[in-house]
């Protein structure tokens, strides 16, 4: 049975202590496709997540191009204003990404792993 994208985002948010929002979007078209949060999030905040994803993945691509392996990097974290964001992008290069944002008790590397696993489940469900 296929699980809905919304159900996967909701589960991810519940499973990560301190998570405020989990968003699934496309950083190439700058659109959040689905999100999960406890309270209302302004559209501008979601748009900012897309901009952060686009900027971060562009930088990762530049770093990958300058290395001998030229392997695309798929995850990064950002730390601003007391908030931590963990970003992971799809393996297919189409621009889909997931962002988990909050004030985590969990180490960011673990949150990045949760982001990757949730994105893989989303890719498998569509």
PDB file of N, CA and C in Angstrom:
ATOM      1  N   UNK A   1       0.831  -1.190   0.000  1.00  0.00           N
ATOM      2  CA  UNK A   1       0.000   0.000   0.000  1.00  0.00           C
ATOM      3  C   UNK A   1       0.875   1.252   0.000  1.00  0.00           C
ATOM      4  N   UNK A   2       0.555   2.176  -0.853  1.00  0.00           N
ATOM      5  CA  UNK A   2       1.313   3.419  -0.917  1.00  0.00           C
ATOM      6  C   UNK A   2       0.873   4.369   0.188  1.00  0.00           C
ATOM      7  N   UNK A   3       1.840   5.011   0.801  1.00  0.00           N
ATOM      8  CA  UNK A   3       1.576   5.987   1.846  1.00  0.00           C
ATOM      9  C   UNK A   3       1.596   7.370   1.204  1.00  0.00           C
ATOM     10  N   UNK A   4       0.708   8.245   1.643  1.00  0.00           N
ATOM     11  CA  UNK A   4       0.662   9.578   1.048  1.00  0.00           C
ATOM     12  C   UNK A   4       1.865  10.413   1.479  1.00  0.00           C
ATOM     13  N   UNK A   5       2.223  11.353   0.628  1.00  0.00           N
ATOM     14  CA  UNK A   5       3.317  12.278   0.937  1.00  0.00           C
ATOM     15  C   UNK A   5       3.014  13.004   2.243  1.00  0.00           C
ATOM     16  N   UNK A   6       1.777  13.451   2.411  1.00  0.00           N
ATOM     17  CA  UNK A   6       1.409  14.178   3.630  1.00  0.00           C
ATOM     18  C   UNK A   6       1.608  13.317   4.872  1.00  0.00           C
ATOM     19  N   UNK A   7       1.231  12.046   4.804  1.00  0.00           N
ATOM     20  CA  UNK A   7       1.399  11.149   5.951  1.00  0.00           C
ATOM     21  C   UNK A   7       2.881  10.967   6.286  1.00  0.00           C
ATOM     22  N   UNK A   8       3.734  10.882   5.272  1.00  0.00           N
ATOM     23  CA  UNK A   8       5.172  10.739   5.500  1.00  0.00           C
ATOM     24  C   UNK A   8       5.755  11.993   6.144  1.00  0.00           C
ATOM     25  N   UNK A   9       5.316  13.165   5.697  1.00  0.00           N
ATOM     26  CA  UNK A   9       5.793  14.420   6.289  1.00  0.00           C
ATOM     27  C   UNK A   9       5.325  14.535   7.737  1.00  0.00           C
ATOM     28  N   UNK A  10       4.058  14.193   7.986  1.00  0.00           N
ATOM     29  CA  UNK A  10       3.520  14.245   9.345  1.00  0.00           C
ATOM     30  C   UNK A  10       4.293  13.310  10.281  1.00  0.00           C
ATOM     31  N   UNK A  11       4.589  12.096   9.807  1.00  0.00           N
ATOM     32  CA  UNK A  11       5.341  11.128  10.614  1.00  0.00           C
ATOM     33  C   UNK A  11       6.749  11.645  10.897  1.00  0.00           C
ATOM     34  N   UNK A  12       7.380  12.210   9.900  1.00  0.00           N
ATOM     35  CA  UNK A  12       8.720  12.759  10.064  1.00  0.00           C
ATOM     36  C   UNK A  12       8.710  13.844  11.149  1.00  0.00           C
ATOM     37  N   UNK A  13       7.731  14.736  11.103  1.00  0.00           N
ATOM     38  CA  UNK A  13       7.643  15.820  12.082  1.00  0.00           C
ATOM     39  C   UNK A  13       7.451  15.267  13.492  1.00  0.00           C
ATOM     40  N   UNK A  14       6.617  14.268  13.625  1.00  0.00           N
ATOM     41  CA  UNK A  14       6.385  13.661  14.942  1.00  0.00           C
ATOM     42  C   UNK A  14       7.630  12.926  15.459  1.00  0.00           C
ATOM     43  N   UNK A  15       8.403  12.341  14.557  1.00  0.00           N
ATOM     44  CA  UNK A  15       9.548  11.518  14.948  1.00  0.00           C
ATOM     45  C   UNK A  15      10.792  12.318  15.325  1.00  0.00           C
ATOM     46  N   UNK A  16      10.881  13.579  14.906  1.00  0.00           N
ATOM     47  CA  UNK A  16      12.066  14.391  15.190  1.00  0.00           C
ATOM     48  C   UNK A  16      11.722  15.381  16.311  1.00  0.00           C
ATOM     49  N   UNK A  17      12.285  15.133  17.491  1.00  0.00           N
ATOM     50  CA  UNK A  17      12.024  16.012  18.634  1.00  0.00           C
ATOM     51  C   UNK A  17      12.498  17.434  18.339  1.00  0.00           C
ATOM     52  N   UNK A  18      11.631  18.400  18.597  1.00  0.00           N
ATOM     53  CA  UNK A  18      11.969  19.800  18.373  1.00  0.00           C
ATOM     54  C   UNK A  18      11.679  20.295  16.970  1.00  0.00           C
ATOM     55  N   UNK A  19      11.067  19.443  16.140  1.00  0.00           N
ATOM     56  CA  UNK A  19      10.774  19.817  14.753  1.00  0.00           C
ATOM     57  C   UNK A  19       9.553  20.736  14.711  1.00  0.00           C
ATOM     58  N   UNK A  20       9.688  21.851  14.013  1.00  0.00           N
ATOM     59  CA  UNK A  20       8.578  22.795  13.823  1.00  0.00           C
ATOM     60  C   UNK A  20       7.877  22.587  12.488  1.00  0.00           C
ATOM     61  N   UNK A  21       8.665  22.275  11.460  1.00  0.00           N
ATOM     62  CA  UNK A  21       8.098  22.144  10.116  1.00  0.00           C
ATOM     63  C   UNK A  21       8.918  21.150   9.298  1.00  0.00           C
ATOM     64  N   UNK A  22       8.210  20.384   8.494  1.00  0.00           N
ATOM     65  CA  UNK A  22       8.832  19.537   7.471  1.00  0.00           C
ATOM     66  C   UNK A  22       8.188  19.959   6.157  1.00  0.00           C
ATOM     67  N   UNK A  23       9.008  20.307   5.197  1.00  0.00           N
ATOM     68  CA  UNK A  23       8.491  20.762   3.905  1.00  0.00           C
ATOM     69  C   UNK A  23       9.094  19.933   2.783  1.00  0.00           C
ATOM     70  N   UNK A  24       8.273  19.634   1.797  1.00  0.00           N
ATOM     71  CA  UNK A  24       8.691  18.924   0.589  1.00  0.00           C
ATOM     72  C   UNK A  24       8.428  19.863  -0.570  1.00  0.00           C
ATOM     73  N   UNK A  25       9.448  20.103  -1.383  1.00  0.00           N
ATOM     74  CA  UNK A  25       9.272  21.047  -2.476  1.00  0.00           C
ATOM     75  C   UNK A  25      10.190  20.779  -3.642  1.00  0.00           C
ATOM     76  N   UNK A  26      10.202  21.727  -4.543  1.00  0.00           N
ATOM     77  CA  UNK A  26      11.034  21.688  -5.745  1.00  0.00           C
ATOM     78  C   UNK A  26      11.843  22.976  -5.778  1.00  0.00           C
ATOM     79  N   UNK A  27      13.154  22.858  -5.553  1.00  0.00           N
ATOM     80  CA  UNK A  27      13.978  24.065  -5.482  1.00  0.00           C
ATOM     81  C   UNK A  27      14.243  24.676  -6.855  1.00  0.00           C
ATOM     82  N   UNK A  28      14.012  23.933  -7.935  1.00  0.00           N
ATOM     83  CA  UNK A  28      14.207  24.502  -9.263  1.00  0.00           C
ATOM     84  C   UNK A  28      13.047  25.417  -9.644  1.00  0.00           C
ATOM     85  N   UNK A  29      11.830  25.047  -9.240  1.00  0.00           N
ATOM     86  CA  UNK A  29      10.675  25.906  -9.532  1.00  0.00           C
ATOM     87  C   UNK A  29      10.299  26.777  -8.337  1.00  0.00           C
ATOM     88  N   UNK A  30      11.045  26.634  -7.234  1.00  0.00           N
ATOM     89  CA  UNK A  30      10.824  27.414  -6.008  1.00  0.00           C
ATOM     90  C   UNK A  30       9.411  27.263  -5.466  1.00  0.00           C
ATOM     91  N   UNK A  31       8.943  26.003  -5.387  1.00  0.00           N
ATOM     92  CA  UNK A  31       7.611  25.716  -4.870  1.00  0.00           C
ATOM     93  C   UNK A  31       7.671  24.700  -3.733  1.00  0.00           C
ATOM     94  N   UNK A  32       6.966  24.989  -2.650  1.00  0.00           N
ATOM     95  CA  UNK A  32       6.724  23.988  -1.622  1.00  0.00           C
ATOM     96  C   UNK A  32       5.474  23.239  -2.043  1.00  0.00           C
ATOM     97  N   UNK A  33       5.589  21.937  -2.204  1.00  0.00           N
ATOM     98  CA  UNK A  33       4.474  21.121  -2.675  1.00  0.00           C
ATOM     99  C   UNK A  33       3.591  20.643  -1.530  1.00  0.00           C
ATOM    100  N   UNK A  34       4.197  20.316  -0.398  1.00  0.00           N
ATOM    101  CA  UNK A  34       3.481  19.880   0.803  1.00  0.00           C
ATOM    102  C   UNK A  34       4.299  20.282   2.018  1.00  0.00           C
ATOM    103  N   UNK A  35       3.602  20.484   3.137  1.00  0.00           N
ATOM    104  CA  UNK A  35       4.313  20.753   4.380  1.00  0.00           C
ATOM    105  C   UNK A  35       3.518  20.209   5.556  1.00  0.00           C
ATOM    106  N   UNK A  36       4.210  20.022   6.644  1.00  0.00           N
ATOM    107  CA  UNK A  36       3.599  19.555   7.879  1.00  0.00           C
ATOM    108  C   UNK A  36       4.104  20.445   8.998  1.00  0.00           C
ATOM    109  N   UNK A  37       3.192  21.019   9.769  1.00  0.00           N
ATOM    110  CA  UNK A  37       3.554  21.881  10.876  1.00  0.00           C
ATOM    111  C   UNK A  37       2.408  21.907  11.891  1.00  0.00           C
ATOM    112  N   UNK A  38       2.747  22.267  13.130  1.00  0.00           N
ATOM    113  CA  UNK A  38       1.724  22.335  14.176  1.00  0.00           C
ATOM    114  C   UNK A  38       0.839  23.568  14.040  1.00  0.00           C
ATOM    115  N   UNK A  39       1.428  24.665  13.617  1.00  0.00           N
ATOM    116  CA  UNK A  39       0.669  25.905  13.517  1.00  0.00           C
ATOM    117  C   UNK A  39       0.825  26.488  12.113  1.00  0.00           C
ATOM    118  N   UNK A  40       0.035  27.501  11.820  1.00  0.00           N
ATOM    119  CA  UNK A  40       0.058  28.128  10.498  1.00  0.00           C
ATOM    120  C   UNK A  40       1.434  28.729  10.205  1.00  0.00           C
ATOM    121  N   UNK A  41       1.942  28.457   9.038  1.00  0.00           N
ATOM    122  CA  UNK A  41       3.208  29.018   8.571  1.00  0.00           C
ATOM    123  C   UNK A  41       2.892  29.943   7.399  1.00  0.00           C
ATOM    124  N   UNK A  42       3.395  31.152   7.463  1.00  0.00           N
ATOM    125  CA  UNK A  42       3.153  32.100   6.371  1.00  0.00           C
ATOM    126  C   UNK A  42       3.815  31.619   5.084  1.00  0.00           C
ATOM    127  N   UNK A  43       3.175  31.906   3.982  1.00  0.00           N
ATOM    128  CA  UNK A  43       3.681  31.511   2.660  1.00  0.00           C
ATOM    129  C   UNK A  43       5.103  32.026   2.443  1.00  0.00           C
ATOM    130  N   UNK A  44       5.387  33.217   2.946  1.00  0.00           N
ATOM    131  CA  UNK A  44       6.715  33.799   2.787  1.00  0.00           C
ATOM    132  C   UNK A  44       7.791  32.940   3.447  1.00  0.00           C
ATOM    133  N   UNK A  45       7.447  32.327   4.595  1.00  0.00           N
ATOM    134  CA  UNK A  45       8.408  31.458   5.279  1.00  0.00           C
ATOM    135  C   UNK A  45       8.693  30.213   4.440  1.00  0.00           C
ATOM    136  N   UNK A  46       7.656  29.673   3.809  1.00  0.00           N
ATOM    137  CA  UNK A  46       7.849  28.513   2.933  1.00  0.00           C
ATOM    138  C   UNK A  46       8.669  28.900   1.701  1.00  0.00           C
ATOM    139  N   UNK A  47       8.403  30.087   1.150  1.00  0.00           N
ATOM    140  CA  UNK A  47       9.184  30.566   0.009  1.00  0.00           C
ATOM    141  C   UNK A  47      10.660  30.719   0.380  1.00  0.00           C
ATOM    142  N   UNK A  48      10.912  31.161   1.610  1.00  0.00           N
ATOM    143  CA  UNK A  48      12.290  31.304   2.080  1.00  0.00           C
ATOM    144  C   UNK A  48      12.993  29.951   2.131  1.00  0.00           C
ATOM    145  N   UNK A  49      12.268  28.907   2.547  1.00  0.00           N
ATOM    146  CA  UNK A  49      12.865  27.561   2.552  1.00  0.00           C
ATOM    147  C   UNK A  49      13.302  27.157   1.148  1.00  0.00           C
ATOM    148  N   UNK A  50      12.473  27.459   0.156  1.00  0.00           N
ATOM    149  CA  UNK A  50      12.835  27.138  -1.235  1.00  0.00           C
ATOM    150  C   UNK A  50      14.077  27.903  -1.665  1.00  0.00           C
ATOM    151  N   UNK A  51      14.134  29.180  -1.324  1.00  0.00           N
ATOM    152  CA  UNK A  51      15.303  29.983  -1.684  1.00  0.00           C
ATOM    153  C   UNK A  51      16.565  29.456  -1.012  1.00  0.00           C
ATOM    154  N   UNK A  52      16.439  29.080   0.267  1.00  0.00           N
ATOM    155  CA  UNK A  52      17.590  28.513   0.979  1.00  0.00           C
ATOM    156  C   UNK A  52      18.035  27.209   0.334  1.00  0.00           C
ATOM    157  N   UNK A  53      17.072  26.363  -0.045  1.00  0.00           N
ATOM    158  CA  UNK A  53      17.403  25.090  -0.701  1.00  0.00           C
ATOM    159  C   UNK A  53      18.116  25.351  -2.018  1.00  0.00           C
ATOM    160  N   UNK A  54      17.572  26.244  -2.831  1.00  0.00           N
ATOM    161  CA  UNK A  54      18.176  26.539  -4.134  1.00  0.00           C
ATOM    162  C   UNK A  54      19.597  27.064  -3.966  1.00  0.00           C
ATOM    163  N   UNK A  55      19.784  28.001  -3.044  1.00  0.00           N
ATOM    164  CA  UNK A  55      21.119  28.560  -2.814  1.00  0.00           C
ATOM    165  C   UNK A  55      22.092  27.520  -2.290  1.00  0.00           C
ATOM    166  N   UNK A  56      21.637  26.714  -1.344  1.00  0.00           N
ATOM    167  CA  UNK A  56      22.508  25.690  -0.768  1.00  0.00           C
ATOM    168  C   UNK A  56      22.904  24.623  -1.761  1.00  0.00           C
ATOM    169  N   UNK A  57      21.932  24.148  -2.550  1.00  0.00           N
ATOM    170  CA  UNK A  57      22.258  23.096  -3.508  1.00  0.00           C
ATOM    171  C   UNK A  57      23.100  23.636  -4.665  1.00  0.00           C
ATOM    172  N   UNK A  58      22.930  24.898  -5.022  1.00  0.00           N
ATOM    173  CA  UNK A  58      23.790  25.519  -6.038  1.00  0.00           C
ATOM    174  C   UNK A  58      25.238  25.548  -5.546  1.00  0.00           C
ATOM    175  N   UNK A  59      25.421  25.903  -4.274  1.00  0.00           N
ATOM    176  CA  UNK A  59      26.770  25.917  -3.698  1.00  0.00           C
ATOM    177  C   UNK A  59      27.354  24.508  -3.647  1.00  0.00           C
ATOM    178  N   UNK A  60      26.529  23.525  -3.258  1.00  0.00           N
ATOM    179  CA  UNK A  60      27.019  22.140  -3.230  1.00  0.00           C
ATOM    180  C   UNK A  60      27.441  21.667  -4.614  1.00  0.00           C
ATOM    181  N   UNK A  61      26.680  22.060  -5.630  1.00  0.00           N
ATOM    182  CA  UNK A  61      27.036  21.676  -7.003  1.00  0.00           C
ATOM    183  C   UNK A  61      28.365  22.294  -7.411  1.00  0.00           C
ATOM    184  N   UNK A  62      28.591  23.543  -7.009  1.00  0.00           N
ATOM    185  CA  UNK A  62      29.859  24.203  -7.328  1.00  0.00           C
ATOM    186  C   UNK A  62      31.022  23.499  -6.629  1.00  0.00           C
ATOM    187  N   UNK A  63      30.815  23.092  -5.384  1.00  0.00           N
ATOM    188  CA  UNK A  63      31.850  22.358  -4.652  1.00  0.00           C
ATOM    189  C   UNK A  63      32.117  21.020  -5.334  1.00  0.00           C
ATOM    190  N   UNK A  64      31.052  20.311  -5.717  1.00  0.00           N
ATOM    191  CA  UNK A  64      31.209  19.004  -6.363  1.00  0.00           C
ATOM    192  C   UNK A  64      31.962  19.127  -7.675  1.00  0.00           C
ATOM    193  N   UNK A  65      31.696  20.196  -8.434  1.00  0.00           N
ATOM    194  CA  UNK A  65      32.376  20.389  -9.719  1.00  0.00           C
ATOM    195  C   UNK A  65      33.864  20.644  -9.537  1.00  0.00           C
ATOM    196  N   UNK A  66      34.243  21.165  -8.369  1.00  0.00           N
ATOM    197  CA  UNK A  66      35.648  21.477  -8.143  1.00  0.00           C
ATOM    198  C   UNK A  66      36.430  20.314  -7.537  1.00  0.00           C
ATOM    199  N   UNK A  67      35.753  19.200  -7.276  1.00  0.00           N
ATOM    200  CA  UNK A  67      36.459  18.043  -6.721  1.00  0.00           C
ATOM    201  C   UNK A  67      36.767  17.034  -7.824  1.00  0.00           C
ATOM    202  N   UNK A  68      37.713  16.173  -7.533  1.00  0.00           N
ATOM    203  CA  UNK A  68      38.117  15.179  -8.526  1.00  0.00           C
ATOM    204  C   UNK A  68      36.997  14.181  -8.816  1.00  0.00           C
ATOM    205  N   UNK A  69      36.212  13.833  -7.797  1.00  0.00           N
ATOM    206  CA  UNK A  69      35.152  12.841  -7.995  1.00  0.00           C
ATOM    207  C   UNK A  69      33.939  13.424  -8.708  1.00  0.00           C
ATOM    208  N   UNK A  70      33.709  14.710  -8.552  1.00  0.00           N
ATOM    209  CA  UNK A  70      32.569  15.392  -9.174  1.00  0.00           C
ATOM    210  C   UNK A  70      31.243  14.702  -8.834  1.00  0.00           C
ATOM    211  N   UNK A  71      31.120  14.240  -7.575  1.00  0.00           N
ATOM    212  CA  UNK A  71      29.891  13.593  -7.122  1.00  0.00           C
ATOM    213  C   UNK A  71      28.961  14.658  -6.543  1.00  0.00           C
ATOM    214  N   UNK A  72      27.700  14.647  -6.930  1.00  0.00           N
ATOM    215  CA  UNK A  72      26.784  15.630  -6.357  1.00  0.00           C
ATOM    216  C   UNK A  72      26.539  15.356  -4.869  1.00  0.00           C
ATOM    217  N   UNK A  73      26.588  16.398  -4.089  1.00  0.00           N
ATOM    218  CA  UNK A  73      26.312  16.295  -2.662  1.00  0.00           C
ATOM    219  C   UNK A  73      24.811  16.475  -2.466  1.00  0.00           C
ATOM    220  N   UNK A  74      24.233  15.718  -1.572  1.00  0.00           N
ATOM    221  CA  UNK A  74      22.777  15.670  -1.470  1.00  0.00           C
ATOM    222  C   UNK A  74      22.187  16.267  -0.203  1.00  0.00           C
ATOM    223  N   UNK A  75      23.007  16.611   0.789  1.00  0.00           N
ATOM    224  CA  UNK A  75      22.460  17.145   2.033  1.00  0.00           C
ATOM    225  C   UNK A  75      23.292  18.324   2.527  1.00  0.00           C
ATOM    226  N   UNK A  76      22.638  19.206   3.272  1.00  0.00           N
ATOM    227  CA  UNK A  76      23.350  20.260   3.991  1.00  0.00           C
ATOM    228  C   UNK A  76      22.474  20.756   5.135  1.00  0.00           C
ATOM    229  N   UNK A  77      23.118  21.382   6.092  1.00  0.00           N
ATOM    230  CA  UNK A  77      22.406  21.975   7.209  1.00  0.00           C
ATOM    231  C   UNK A  77      22.678  23.457   7.262  1.00  0.00           C
ATOM    232  N   UNK A  78      21.733  24.196   7.828  1.00  0.00           N
ATOM    233  CA  UNK A  78      21.955  25.626   8.052  1.00  0.00           C
ATOM    234  C   UNK A  78      21.531  25.954   9.478  1.00  0.00           C
ATOM    235  N   UNK A  79      22.208  26.929  10.045  1.00  0.00           N
ATOM    236  CA  UNK A  79      21.980  27.316  11.423  1.00  0.00           C
ATOM    237  C   UNK A  79      21.842  28.833  11.474  1.00  0.00           C
ATOM    238  N   UNK A  80      20.623  29.323  11.659  1.00  0.00           N
ATOM    239  CA  UNK A  80      20.393  30.765  11.702  1.00  0.00           C
ATOM    240  C   UNK A  80      19.345  31.096  12.753  1.00  0.00           C
ATOM    241  N   UNK A  81      19.622  32.126  13.527  1.00  0.00           N
ATOM    242  CA  UNK A  81      18.641  32.632  14.476  1.00  0.00           C
ATOM    243  C   UNK A  81      18.113  31.598  15.450  1.00  0.00           C
ATOM    244  N   UNK A  82      18.955  30.695  15.911  1.00  0.00           N
ATOM    245  CA  UNK A  82      18.524  29.671  16.845  1.00  0.00           C
ATOM    246  C   UNK A  82      17.750  28.530  16.213  1.00  0.00           C
ATOM    247  N   UNK A  83      17.626  28.545  14.909  1.00  0.00           N
ATOM    248  CA  UNK A  83      16.891  27.512  14.182  1.00  0.00           C
ATOM    249  C   UNK A  83      17.865  26.703  13.333  1.00  0.00           C
ATOM    250  N   UNK A  84      17.668  25.396  13.355  1.00  0.00           N
ATOM    251  CA  UNK A  84      18.477  24.504  12.522  1.00  0.00           C
ATOM    252  C   UNK A  84      17.597  23.962  11.411  1.00  0.00           C
ATOM    253  N   UNK A  85      18.146  23.924  10.206  1.00  0.00           N
ATOM    254  CA  UNK A  85      17.423  23.357   9.063  1.00  0.00           C
ATOM    255  C   UNK A  85      18.295  22.286   8.432  1.00  0.00           C
ATOM    256  N   UNK A  86      17.678  21.145   8.168  1.00  0.00           N
ATOM    257  CA  UNK A  86      18.354  20.028   7.507  1.00  0.00           C
ATOM    258  C   UNK A  86      17.707  19.842   6.141  1.00  0.00           C
ATOM    259  N   UNK A  87      18.491  19.942   5.080  1.00  0.00           N
ATOM    260  CA  UNK A  87      18.005  19.822   3.710  1.00  0.00           C
ATOM    261  C   UNK A  87      18.564  18.557   3.066  1.00  0.00           C
ATOM    262  N   UNK A  88      17.718  17.858   2.336  1.00  0.00           N
ATOM    263  CA  UNK A  88      18.158  16.703   1.543  1.00  0.00           C
ATOM    264  C   UNK A  88      17.472  16.781   0.191  1.00  0.00           C
ATOM    265  N   UNK A  89      18.202  16.457  -0.873  1.00  0.00           N
ATOM    266  CA  UNK A  89      17.595  16.497  -2.207  1.00  0.00           C
ATOM    267  C   UNK A  89      17.548  15.114  -2.821  1.00  0.00           C
ATOM    268  N   UNK A  90      16.686  14.992  -3.825  1.00  0.00           N
ATOM    269  CA  UNK A  90      16.462  13.699  -4.465  1.00  0.00           C
ATOM    270  C   UNK A  90      17.700  13.229  -5.210  1.00  0.00           C
ATOM    271  N   UNK A  91      17.750  11.930  -5.424  1.00  0.00           N
ATOM    272  CA  UNK A  91      18.864  11.332  -6.160  1.00  0.00           C
ATOM    273  C   UNK A  91      18.722  11.532  -7.656  1.00  0.00           C
ATOM    274  N   UNK A  92      17.508  11.806  -8.121  1.00  0.00           N
ATOM    275  CA  UNK A  92      17.281  11.870  -9.570  1.00  0.00           C
ATOM    276  C   UNK A  92      17.620  13.220 -10.188  1.00  0.00           C
ATOM    277  N   UNK A  93      17.970  14.202  -9.394  1.00  0.00           N
ATOM    278  CA  UNK A  93      18.366  15.490  -9.925  1.00  0.00           C
ATOM    279  C   UNK A  93      17.233  16.342 -10.458  1.00  0.00           C
ATOM    280  N   UNK A  94      16.007  15.986 -10.132  1.00  0.00           N
ATOM    281  CA  UNK A  94      14.846  16.722 -10.630  1.00  0.00           C
ATOM    282  C   UNK A  94      14.540  17.968  -9.818  1.00  0.00           C
ATOM    283  N   UNK A  95      15.140  18.132  -8.666  1.00  0.00           N
ATOM    284  CA  UNK A  95      14.933  19.327  -7.865  1.00  0.00           C
ATOM    285  C   UNK A  95      14.102  19.131  -6.619  1.00  0.00           C
ATOM    286  N   UNK A  96      13.556  17.923  -6.400  1.00  0.00           N
ATOM    287  CA  UNK A  96      12.781  17.718  -5.182  1.00  0.00           C
ATOM    288  C   UNK A  96      13.708  17.733  -3.972  1.00  0.00           C
ATOM    289  N   UNK A  97      13.200  18.309  -2.897  1.00  0.00           N
ATOM    290  CA  UNK A  97      13.959  18.349  -1.664  1.00  0.00           C
ATOM    291  C   UNK A  97      13.011  18.259  -0.477  1.00  0.00           C
ATOM    292  N   UNK A  98      13.600  17.974   0.664  1.00  0.00           N
ATOM    293  CA  UNK A  98      12.865  18.007   1.926  1.00  0.00           C
ATOM    294  C   UNK A  98      13.676  18.865   2.881  1.00  0.00           C
ATOM    295  N   UNK A  99      12.966  19.614   3.703  1.00  0.00           N
ATOM    296  CA  UNK A  99      13.610  20.417   4.732  1.00  0.00           C
ATOM    297  C   UNK A  99      12.934  20.112   6.060  1.00  0.00           C
ATOM    298  N   UNK A 100      13.742  19.835   7.063  1.00  0.00           N
ATOM    299  CA  UNK A 100      13.260  19.665   8.432  1.00  0.00           C
ATOM    300  C   UNK A 100      13.822  20.833   9.223  1.00  0.00           C
ATOM    301  N   UNK A 101      12.947  21.607   9.837  1.00  0.00           N
ATOM    302  CA  UNK A 101      13.355  22.831  10.517  1.00  0.00           C
ATOM    303  C   UNK A 101      12.876  22.817  11.966  1.00  0.00           C
ATOM    304  N   UNK A 102      13.734  23.291  12.864  1.00  0.00           N
ATOM    305  CA  UNK A 102      13.342  23.382  14.262  1.00  0.00           C
ATOM    306  C   UNK A 102      14.529  23.621  15.171  1.00  0.00           C
ATOM    307  N   UNK A 103      14.303  23.420  16.447  1.00  0.00           N
ATOM    308  CA  UNK A 103      15.367  23.490  17.452  1.00  0.00           C
ATOM    309  C   UNK A 103      15.503  22.074  18.008  1.00  0.00           C
ATOM    310  N   UNK A 104      16.398  21.321  17.415  1.00  0.00           N
ATOM    311  CA  UNK A 104      16.501  19.887  17.657  1.00  0.00           C
ATOM    312  C   UNK A 104      17.340  19.558  18.881  1.00  0.00           C
ATOM    313  N   UNK A 105      16.902  18.542  19.606  1.00  0.00           N
ATOM    314  CA  UNK A 105      17.724  17.939  20.647  1.00  0.00           C
ATOM    315  C   UNK A 105      18.639  16.895  20.005  1.00  0.00           C
ATOM    316  N   UNK A 106      18.237  16.415  18.845  1.00  0.00           N
ATOM    317  CA  UNK A 106      18.965  15.389  18.096  1.00  0.00           C
ATOM    318  C   UNK A 106      20.109  16.036  17.314  1.00  0.00           C
ATOM    319  N   UNK A 107      21.280  15.398  17.228  1.00  0.00           N
ATOM    320  CA  UNK A 107      22.369  15.935  16.404  1.00  0.00           C
ATOM    321  C   UNK A 107      21.924  16.114  14.942  1.00  0.00           C
ATOM    322  N   UNK A 108      22.413  17.173  14.314  1.00  0.00           N
ATOM    323  CA  UNK A 108      21.961  17.506  12.961  1.00  0.00           C
ATOM    324  C   UNK A 108      22.263  16.392  11.956  1.00  0.00           C
ATOM    325  N   UNK A 109      23.343  15.641  12.158  1.00  0.00           N
ATOM    326  CA  UNK A 109      23.640  14.544  11.234  1.00  0.00           C
ATOM    327  C   UNK A 109      22.542  13.488  11.271  1.00  0.00           C
ATOM    328  N   UNK A 110      21.964  13.246  12.439  1.00  0.00           N
ATOM    329  CA  UNK A 110      20.854  12.303  12.528  1.00  0.00           C
ATOM    330  C   UNK A 110      19.612  12.854  11.836  1.00  0.00           C
ATOM    331  N   UNK A 111      19.377  14.160  12.000  1.00  0.00           N
ATOM    332  CA  UNK A 111      18.226  14.791  11.349  1.00  0.00           C
ATOM    333  C   UNK A 111      18.399  14.743   9.835  1.00  0.00           C
ATOM    334  N   UNK A 112      19.616  14.949   9.338  1.00  0.00           N
ATOM    335  CA  UNK A 112      19.878  14.826   7.901  1.00  0.00           C
ATOM    336  C   UNK A 112      19.569  13.411   7.422  1.00  0.00           C
ATOM    337  N   UNK A 113      19.896  12.412   8.224  1.00  0.00           N
ATOM    338  CA  UNK A 113      19.572  11.027   7.883  1.00  0.00           C
ATOM    339  C   UNK A 113      18.074  10.796   7.812  1.00  0.00           C
ATOM    340  N   UNK A 114      17.336  11.368   8.755  1.00  0.00           N
ATOM    341  CA  UNK A 114      15.871  11.263   8.729  1.00  0.00           C
ATOM    342  C   UNK A 114      15.327  11.942   7.478  1.00  0.00           C
ATOM    343  N   UNK A 115      15.881  13.098   7.127  1.00  0.00           N
ATOM    344  CA  UNK A 115      15.447  13.809   5.921  1.00  0.00           C
ATOM    345  C   UNK A 115      15.672  12.948   4.681  1.00  0.00           C
ATOM    346  N   UNK A 116      16.857  12.349   4.581  1.00  0.00           N
ATOM    347  CA  UNK A 116      17.162  11.482   3.425  1.00  0.00           C
ATOM    348  C   UNK A 116      16.204  10.307   3.351  1.00  0.00           C
ATOM    349  N   UNK A 117      15.975   9.654   4.482  1.00  0.00           N
ATOM    350  CA  UNK A 117      15.101   8.481   4.507  1.00  0.00           C
ATOM    351  C   UNK A 117      13.655   8.858   4.167  1.00  0.00           C
ATOM    352  N   UNK A 118      13.189   9.979   4.671  1.00  0.00           N
ATOM    353  CA  UNK A 118      11.829  10.420   4.357  1.00  0.00           C
ATOM    354  C   UNK A 118      11.699  10.726   2.870  1.00  0.00           C
ATOM    355  N   UNK A 119      12.703  11.369   2.306  1.00  0.00           N
ATOM    356  CA  UNK A 119      12.669  11.678   0.872  1.00  0.00           C
ATOM    357  C   UNK A 119      12.669  10.399   0.026  1.00  0.00           C
ATOM    358  N   UNK A 120      13.460   9.408   0.442  1.00  0.00           N
ATOM    359  CA  UNK A 120      13.449   8.128  -0.278  1.00  0.00           C
ATOM    360  C   UNK A 120      12.075   7.478  -0.220  1.00  0.00           C
ATOM    361  N   UNK A 121      11.409   7.554   0.923  1.00  0.00           N
ATOM    362  CA  UNK A 121      10.059   6.988   1.042  1.00  0.00           C
ATOM    363  C   UNK A 121       9.076   7.746   0.164  1.00  0.00           C
ATOM    364  N   UNK A 122       9.222   9.069   0.092  1.00  0.00           N
ATOM    365  CA  UNK A 122       8.352   9.866  -0.778  1.00  0.00           C
ATOM    366  C   UNK A 122       8.565   9.465  -2.223  1.00  0.00           C
ATOM    367  N   UNK A 123       9.822   9.355  -2.642  1.00  0.00           N
ATOM    368  CA  UNK A 123      10.126   8.967  -4.019  1.00  0.00           C
ATOM    369  C   UNK A 123       9.546   7.597  -4.343  1.00  0.00           C
ATOM    370  N   UNK A 124       9.566   6.688  -3.381  1.00  0.00           N
ATOM    371  CA  UNK A 124       9.031   5.344  -3.610  1.00  0.00           C
ATOM    372  C   UNK A 124       7.506   5.319  -3.643  1.00  0.00           C
ATOM    373  N   UNK A 125       6.878   6.326  -3.058  1.00  0.00           N
ATOM    374  CA  UNK A 125       5.412   6.305  -2.945  1.00  0.00           C
ATOM    375  C   UNK A 125       4.715   6.987  -4.110  1.00  0.00           C
ATOM    376  N   UNK A 126       5.451   7.722  -4.924  1.00  0.00           N
ATOM    377  CA  UNK A 126       4.793   8.431  -6.047  1.00  0.00           C
ATOM    378  C   UNK A 126       5.028   7.738  -7.369  1.00  0.00           C
TER     379      UNK A 126
END
